[in-house]
Amino acid sequence: MRITSKGQVTIPTDIRQRAGLLPNTEVEFEYIDKIVRLKKVKNAAQRGKRLVQNMKGRATVKMTTDDILALTRG
């Protein structure tokens, strides 16, 4: 199996079926002791909340929402 230049790989059908990985299934990756593990996200509905939590406090530009909107609306 080869990883494409975009970082994509095809999971074999039998493994997808046994793991219950249907189209649009949310998955996550773990890297522990040089092993990469792919697993199904248990609470996919909570994904948005997790993403927001991970991004909180990471902004490097001090702009207000109005400033950002003014930039995007030209």
PDB file of N, CA and C in Angstrom:
ATOM      1  N   MET A   1       0.863  -1.171   0.000  1.00  0.00           N
ATOM      2  CA  MET A   1       0.000   0.000   0.000  1.00  0.00           C
ATOM      3  C   MET A   1       0.905   1.228   0.000  1.00  0.00           C
ATOM      4  N   ARG A   2       0.586   2.199  -0.834  1.00  0.00           N
ATOM      5  CA  ARG A   2       1.375   3.428  -0.895  1.00  0.00           C
ATOM      6  C   ARG A   2       0.528   4.625  -0.505  1.00  0.00           C
ATOM      7  N   ILE A   3       1.161   5.576   0.120  1.00  0.00           N
ATOM      8  CA  ILE A   3       0.501   6.831   0.460  1.00  0.00           C
ATOM      9  C   ILE A   3       0.695   7.769  -0.722  1.00  0.00           C
ATOM     10  N   THR A   4      -0.390   8.435  -1.156  1.00  0.00           N
ATOM     11  CA  THR A   4      -0.298   9.367  -2.280  1.00  0.00           C
ATOM     12  C   THR A   4       0.407  10.649  -1.856  1.00  0.00           C
ATOM     13  N   SER A   5       0.702  11.496  -2.833  1.00  0.00           N
ATOM     14  CA  SER A   5       1.354  12.773  -2.535  1.00  0.00           C
ATOM     15  C   SER A   5       0.460  13.668  -1.683  1.00  0.00           C
ATOM     16  N   LYS A   6      -0.848  13.384  -1.669  1.00  0.00           N
ATOM     17  CA  LYS A   6      -1.786  14.136  -0.835  1.00  0.00           C
ATOM     18  C   LYS A   6      -1.959  13.506   0.547  1.00  0.00           C
ATOM     19  N   GLY A   7      -1.217  12.440   0.828  1.00  0.00           N
ATOM     20  CA  GLY A   7      -1.318  11.785   2.134  1.00  0.00           C
ATOM     21  C   GLY A   7      -2.483  10.826   2.231  1.00  0.00           C
ATOM     22  N   GLN A   8      -3.019  10.407   1.099  1.00  0.00           N
ATOM     23  CA  GLN A   8      -4.183   9.532   1.112  1.00  0.00           C
ATOM     24  C   GLN A   8      -3.768   8.078   0.930  1.00  0.00           C
ATOM     25  N   VAL A   9      -4.566   7.202   1.522  1.00  0.00           N
ATOM     26  CA  VAL A   9      -4.351   5.767   1.386  1.00  0.00           C
ATOM     27  C   VAL A   9      -5.724   5.097   1.323  1.00  0.00           C
ATOM     28  N   THR A  10      -5.822   4.002   0.591  1.00  0.00           N
ATOM     29  CA  THR A  10      -7.082   3.272   0.501  1.00  0.00           C
ATOM     30  C   THR A  10      -7.095   2.169   1.554  1.00  0.00           C
ATOM     31  N   ILE A  11      -8.135   2.166   2.377  1.00  0.00           N
ATOM     32  CA  ILE A  11      -8.293   1.110   3.376  1.00  0.00           C
ATOM     33  C   ILE A  11      -8.970  -0.059   2.672  1.00  0.00           C
ATOM     34  N   PRO A  12      -8.372  -1.249   2.724  1.00  0.00           N
ATOM     35  CA  PRO A  12      -8.964  -2.399   2.043  1.00  0.00           C
ATOM     36  C   PRO A  12     -10.409  -2.655   2.492  1.00  0.00           C
ATOM     37  N   THR A  13     -11.229  -3.099   1.548  1.00  0.00           N
ATOM     38  CA  THR A  13     -12.657  -3.303   1.784  1.00  0.00           C
ATOM     39  C   THR A  13     -12.935  -4.197   2.983  1.00  0.00           C
ATOM     40  N   ASP A  14     -12.234  -5.326   3.094  1.00  0.00           N
ATOM     41  CA  ASP A  14     -12.525  -6.252   4.197  1.00  0.00           C
ATOM     42  C   ASP A  14     -12.244  -5.610   5.560  1.00  0.00           C
ATOM     43  N   ILE A  15     -11.213  -4.782   5.637  1.00  0.00           N
ATOM     44  CA  ILE A  15     -10.903  -4.104   6.899  1.00  0.00           C
ATOM     45  C   ILE A  15     -11.963  -3.046   7.197  1.00  0.00           C
ATOM     46  N   ARG A  16     -12.378  -2.274   6.168  1.00  0.00           N
ATOM     47  CA  ARG A  16     -13.433  -1.274   6.377  1.00  0.00           C
ATOM     48  C   ARG A  16     -14.715  -1.931   6.865  1.00  0.00           C
ATOM     49  N   GLN A  17     -15.072  -3.050   6.258  1.00  0.00           N
ATOM     50  CA  GLN A  17     -16.308  -3.739   6.649  1.00  0.00           C
ATOM     51  C   GLN A  17     -16.218  -4.266   8.078  1.00  0.00           C
ATOM     52  N   ARG A  18     -15.118  -4.913   8.423  1.00  0.00           N
ATOM     53  CA  ARG A  18     -14.969  -5.463   9.774  1.00  0.00           C
ATOM     54  C   ARG A  18     -14.948  -4.381  10.836  1.00  0.00           C
ATOM     55  N   ALA A  19     -14.401  -3.196  10.474  1.00  0.00           N
ATOM     56  CA  ALA A  19     -14.307  -2.102  11.443  1.00  0.00           C
ATOM     57  C   ALA A  19     -15.552  -1.212  11.436  1.00  0.00           C
ATOM     58  N   GLY A  20     -16.470  -1.468  10.505  1.00  0.00           N
ATOM     59  CA  GLY A  20     -17.684  -0.650  10.429  1.00  0.00           C
ATOM     60  C   GLY A  20     -17.404   0.759   9.931  1.00  0.00           C
ATOM     61  N   LEU A  21     -16.416   0.906   9.054  1.00  0.00           N
ATOM     62  CA  LEU A  21     -16.067   2.208   8.506  1.00  0.00           C
ATOM     63  C   LEU A  21     -16.847   2.456   7.221  1.00  0.00           C
ATOM     64  N   LEU A  22     -18.018   3.011   7.382  1.00  0.00           N
ATOM     65  CA  LEU A  22     -18.881   3.315   6.251  1.00  0.00           C
ATOM     66  C   LEU A  22     -18.503   4.678   5.676  1.00  0.00           C
ATOM     67  N   PRO A  23     -18.954   4.998   4.451  1.00  0.00           N
ATOM     68  CA  PRO A  23     -18.690   6.335   3.916  1.00  0.00           C
ATOM     69  C   PRO A  23     -19.164   7.415   4.891  1.00  0.00           C
ATOM     70  N   ASN A  24     -18.392   8.469   5.014  1.00  0.00           N
ATOM     71  CA  ASN A  24     -18.655   9.615   5.897  1.00  0.00           C
ATOM     72  C   ASN A  24     -18.474   9.316   7.384  1.00  0.00           C
ATOM     73  N   THR A  25     -17.902   8.170   7.721  1.00  0.00           N
ATOM     74  CA  THR A  25     -17.597   7.864   9.112  1.00  0.00           C
ATOM     75  C   THR A  25     -16.458   8.770   9.571  1.00  0.00           C
ATOM     76  N   GLU A  26     -16.605   9.397  10.723  1.00  0.00           N
ATOM     77  CA  GLU A  26     -15.553  10.237  11.278  1.00  0.00           C
ATOM     78  C   GLU A  26     -14.503   9.332  11.922  1.00  0.00           C
ATOM     79  N   VAL A  27     -13.231   9.593  11.596  1.00  0.00           N
ATOM     80  CA  VAL A  27     -12.132   8.831  12.177  1.00  0.00           C
ATOM     81  C   VAL A  27     -11.090   9.790  12.733  1.00  0.00           C
ATOM     82  N   GLU A  28     -10.239   9.275  13.586  1.00  0.00           N
ATOM     83  CA  GLU A  28      -9.132  10.073  14.105  1.00  0.00           C
ATOM     84  C   GLU A  28      -7.883   9.216  14.125  1.00  0.00           C
ATOM     85  N   PHE A  29      -6.743   9.875  14.160  1.00  0.00           N
ATOM     86  CA  PHE A  29      -5.466   9.185  14.172  1.00  0.00           C
ATOM     87  C   PHE A  29      -4.767   9.414  15.500  1.00  0.00           C
ATOM     88  N   GLU A  30      -4.072   8.385  15.945  1.00  0.00           N
ATOM     89  CA  GLU A  30      -3.243   8.470  17.145  1.00  0.00           C
ATOM     90  C   GLU A  30      -1.838   8.025  16.765  1.00  0.00           C
ATOM     91  N   TYR A  31      -0.847   8.627  17.372  1.00  0.00           N
ATOM     92  CA  TYR A  31       0.538   8.215  17.166  1.00  0.00           C
ATOM     93  C   TYR A  31       1.134   7.918  18.532  1.00  0.00           C
ATOM     94  N   ILE A  32       1.356   6.631  18.792  1.00  0.00           N
ATOM     95  CA  ILE A  32       1.874   6.196  20.083  1.00  0.00           C
ATOM     96  C   ILE A  32       3.009   5.197  19.853  1.00  0.00           C
ATOM     97  N   ASP A  33       4.165   5.510  20.385  1.00  0.00           N
ATOM     98  CA  ASP A  33       5.314   4.600  20.290  1.00  0.00           C
ATOM     99  C   ASP A  33       5.580   4.130  18.859  1.00  0.00           C
ATOM    100  N   LYS A  34       5.627   5.070  17.935  1.00  0.00           N
ATOM    101  CA  LYS A  34       5.923   4.803  16.524  1.00  0.00           C
ATOM    102  C   LYS A  34       4.853   3.978  15.816  1.00  0.00           C
ATOM    103  N   ILE A  35       3.664   3.904  16.392  1.00  0.00           N
ATOM    104  CA  ILE A  35       2.548   3.189  15.770  1.00  0.00           C
ATOM    105  C   ILE A  35       1.447   4.195  15.473  1.00  0.00           C
ATOM    106  N   VAL A  36       0.956   4.166  14.230  1.00  0.00           N
ATOM    107  CA  VAL A  36      -0.159   5.031  13.839  1.00  0.00           C
ATOM    108  C   VAL A  36      -1.426   4.196  13.910  1.00  0.00           C
ATOM    109  N   ARG A  37      -2.403   4.695  14.649  1.00  0.00           N
ATOM    110  CA  ARG A  37      -3.664   3.975  14.816  1.00  0.00           C
ATOM    111  C   ARG A  37      -4.804   4.835  14.292  1.00  0.00           C
ATOM    112  N   LEU A  38      -5.657   4.237  13.488  1.00  0.00           N
ATOM    113  CA  LEU A  38      -6.854   4.880  12.963  1.00  0.00           C
ATOM    114  C   LEU A  38      -8.032   4.314  13.734  1.00  0.00           C
ATOM    115  N   LYS A  39      -8.880   5.191  14.267  1.00  0.00           N
ATOM    116  CA  LYS A  39     -10.042   4.664  14.975  1.00  0.00           C
ATOM    117  C   LYS A  39     -11.266   5.531  14.717  1.00  0.00           C
ATOM    118  N   LYS A  40     -12.399   4.876  14.835  1.00  0.00           N
ATOM    119  CA  LYS A  40     -13.669   5.552  14.634  1.00  0.00           C
ATOM    120  C   LYS A  40     -13.921   6.516  15.776  1.00  0.00           C
ATOM    121  N   VAL A  41     -14.425   7.714  15.460  1.00  0.00           N
ATOM    122  CA  VAL A  41     -14.758   8.692  16.478  1.00  0.00           C
ATOM    123  C   VAL A  41     -16.055   8.254  17.138  1.00  0.00           C
ATOM    124  N   LYS A  42     -16.040   8.148  18.459  1.00  0.00           N
ATOM    125  CA  LYS A  42     -17.226   7.676  19.171  1.00  0.00           C
ATOM    126  C   LYS A  42     -18.336   8.713  19.184  1.00  0.00           C
ATOM    127  N   ASN A  43     -17.998   9.961  19.455  1.00  0.00           N
ATOM    128  CA  ASN A  43     -19.002  11.021  19.520  1.00  0.00           C
ATOM    129  C   ASN A  43     -18.760  12.024  18.404  1.00  0.00           C
ATOM    130  N   ALA A  44     -19.025  11.600  17.172  1.00  0.00           N
ATOM    131  CA  ALA A  44     -18.765  12.458  16.019  1.00  0.00           C
ATOM    132  C   ALA A  44     -19.554  13.755  16.105  1.00  0.00           C
ATOM    133  N   ALA A  45     -20.709  13.741  16.781  1.00  0.00           N
ATOM    134  CA  ALA A  45     -21.516  14.952  16.905  1.00  0.00           C
ATOM    135  C   ALA A  45     -20.789  16.002  17.722  1.00  0.00           C
ATOM    136  N   GLN A  46     -19.835  15.601  18.543  1.00  0.00           N
ATOM    137  CA  GLN A  46     -19.083  16.515  19.386  1.00  0.00           C
ATOM    138  C   GLN A  46     -17.819  17.040  18.686  1.00  0.00           C
ATOM    139  N   ARG A  47     -17.606  16.636  17.440  1.00  0.00           N
ATOM    140  CA  ARG A  47     -16.379  16.988  16.732  1.00  0.00           C
ATOM    141  C   ARG A  47     -16.177  18.497  16.651  1.00  0.00           C
ATOM    142  N   GLY A  48     -17.225  19.227  16.321  1.00  0.00           N
ATOM    143  CA  GLY A  48     -17.128  20.680  16.217  1.00  0.00           C
ATOM    144  C   GLY A  48     -16.676  21.318  17.513  1.00  0.00           C
ATOM    145  N   LYS A  49     -17.229  20.847  18.617  1.00  0.00           N
ATOM    146  CA  LYS A  49     -16.840  21.384  19.922  1.00  0.00           C
ATOM    147  C   LYS A  49     -15.362  21.112  20.210  1.00  0.00           C
ATOM    148  N   ARG A  50     -14.897  19.905  19.863  1.00  0.00           N
ATOM    149  CA  ARG A  50     -13.488  19.568  20.077  1.00  0.00           C
ATOM    150  C   ARG A  50     -12.584  20.450  19.225  1.00  0.00           C
ATOM    151  N   LEU A  51     -12.978  20.694  17.981  1.00  0.00           N
ATOM    152  CA  LEU A  51     -12.171  21.536  17.103  1.00  0.00           C
ATOM    153  C   LEU A  51     -12.058  22.953  17.647  1.00  0.00           C
ATOM    154  N   VAL A  52     -13.170  23.495  18.109  1.00  0.00           N
ATOM    155  CA  VAL A  52     -13.161  24.842  18.670  1.00  0.00           C
ATOM    156  C   VAL A  52     -12.279  24.876  19.913  1.00  0.00           C
ATOM    157  N   GLN A  53     -12.383  23.890  20.779  1.00  0.00           N
ATOM    158  CA  GLN A  53     -11.557  23.832  21.991  1.00  0.00           C
ATOM    159  C   GLN A  53     -10.071  23.814  21.631  1.00  0.00           C
ATOM    160  N   ASN A  54      -9.718  23.025  20.611  1.00  0.00           N
ATOM    161  CA  ASN A  54      -8.317  22.926  20.204  1.00  0.00           C
ATOM    162  C   ASN A  54      -7.795  24.225  19.609  1.00  0.00           C
ATOM    163  N   MET A  55      -8.665  25.013  19.002  1.00  0.00           N
ATOM    164  CA  MET A  55      -8.234  26.263  18.366  1.00  0.00           C
ATOM    165  C   MET A  55      -8.234  27.447  19.322  1.00  0.00           C
ATOM    166  N   LYS A  56      -8.933  27.347  20.434  1.00  0.00           N
ATOM    167  CA  LYS A  56      -9.027  28.464  21.376  1.00  0.00           C
ATOM    168  C   LYS A  56      -7.651  28.929  21.820  1.00  0.00           C
ATOM    169  N   GLY A  57      -7.446  30.245  21.740  1.00  0.00           N
ATOM    170  CA  GLY A  57      -6.204  30.829  22.197  1.00  0.00           C
ATOM    171  C   GLY A  57      -5.037  30.710  21.235  1.00  0.00           C
ATOM    172  N   ARG A  58      -5.268  30.218  20.026  1.00  0.00           N
ATOM    173  CA  ARG A  58      -4.172  30.030  19.074  1.00  0.00           C
ATOM    174  C   ARG A  58      -4.044  31.175  18.070  1.00  0.00           C
ATOM    175  N   ALA A  59      -4.983  32.082  18.051  1.00  0.00           N
ATOM    176  CA  ALA A  59      -4.931  33.181  17.087  1.00  0.00           C
ATOM    177  C   ALA A  59      -3.717  34.058  17.365  1.00  0.00           C
ATOM    178  N   THR A  60      -3.080  34.500  16.286  1.00  0.00           N
ATOM    179  CA  THR A  60      -1.903  35.345  16.444  1.00  0.00           C
ATOM    180  C   THR A  60      -2.170  36.781  16.003  1.00  0.00           C
ATOM    181  N   VAL A  61      -3.308  37.016  15.374  1.00  0.00           N
ATOM    182  CA  VAL A  61      -3.664  38.351  14.892  1.00  0.00           C
ATOM    183  C   VAL A  61      -4.737  38.912  15.810  1.00  0.00           C
ATOM    184  N   LYS A  62      -4.502  40.119  16.298  1.00  0.00           N
ATOM    185  CA  LYS A  62      -5.471  40.752  17.191  1.00  0.00           C
ATOM    186  C   LYS A  62      -6.426  41.614  16.373  1.00  0.00           C
ATOM    187  N   MET A  63      -7.464  40.994  15.860  1.00  0.00           N
ATOM    188  CA  MET A  63      -8.463  41.709  15.071  1.00  0.00           C
ATOM    189  C   MET A  63      -9.837  41.423  15.661  1.00  0.00           C
ATOM    190  N   THR A  64     -10.699  42.402  15.552  1.00  0.00           N
ATOM    191  CA  THR A  64     -12.070  42.193  15.998  1.00  0.00           C
ATOM    192  C   THR A  64     -12.835  41.487  14.883  1.00  0.00           C
ATOM    193  N   THR A  65     -13.985  40.981  15.208  1.00  0.00           N
ATOM    194  CA  THR A  65     -14.841  40.357  14.195  1.00  0.00           C
ATOM    195  C   THR A  65     -15.188  41.372  13.121  1.00  0.00           C
ATOM    196  N   ASP A  66     -15.459  42.613  13.490  1.00  0.00           N
ATOM    197  CA  ASP A  66     -15.785  43.644  12.520  1.00  0.00           C
ATOM    198  C   ASP A  66     -14.611  43.905  11.574  1.00  0.00           C
ATOM    199  N   ASP A  67     -13.388  43.899  12.088  1.00  0.00           N
ATOM    200  CA  ASP A  67     -12.211  44.091  11.255  1.00  0.00           C
ATOM    201  C   ASP A  67     -12.089  42.971  10.220  1.00  0.00           C
ATOM    202  N   ILE A  68     -12.293  41.744  10.670  1.00  0.00           N
ATOM    203  CA  ILE A  68     -12.196  40.592   9.780  1.00  0.00           C
ATOM    204  C   ILE A  68     -13.271  40.648   8.711  1.00  0.00           C
ATOM    205  N   LEU A  69     -14.507  40.974   9.098  1.00  0.00           N
ATOM    206  CA  LEU A  69     -15.590  41.078   8.135  1.00  0.00           C
ATOM    207  C   LEU A  69     -15.316  42.173   7.105  1.00  0.00           C
ATOM    208  N   ALA A  70     -14.766  43.276   7.545  1.00  0.00           N
ATOM    209  CA  ALA A  70     -14.436  44.374   6.625  1.00  0.00           C
ATOM    210  C   ALA A  70     -13.399  43.896   5.583  1.00  0.00           C
ATOM    211  N   LEU A  71     -12.437  43.114   6.005  1.00  0.00           N
ATOM    212  CA  LEU A  71     -11.437  42.587   5.081  1.00  0.00           C
ATOM    213  C   LEU A  71     -12.051  41.622   4.069  1.00  0.00           C
ATOM    214  N   THR A  72     -12.944  40.774   4.531  1.00  0.00           N
ATOM    215  CA  THR A  72     -13.518  39.759   3.637  1.00  0.00           C
ATOM    216  C   THR A  72     -14.551  40.342   2.692  1.00  0.00           C
ATOM    217  N   ARG A  73     -15.109  41.474   3.041  1.00  0.00           N
ATOM    218  CA  ARG A  73     -16.131  42.091   2.184  1.00  0.00           C
ATOM    219  C   ARG A  73     -15.562  43.161   1.271  1.00  0.00           C
ATOM    220  N   GLY A  74     -14.250  43.366   1.368  1.00  0.00           N
ATOM    221  CA  GLY A  74     -13.539  44.253   0.468  1.00  0.00           C
ATOM    222  C   GLY A  74     -13.968  45.682   0.545  1.00  0.00           C
TER     223      GLY A  74
END
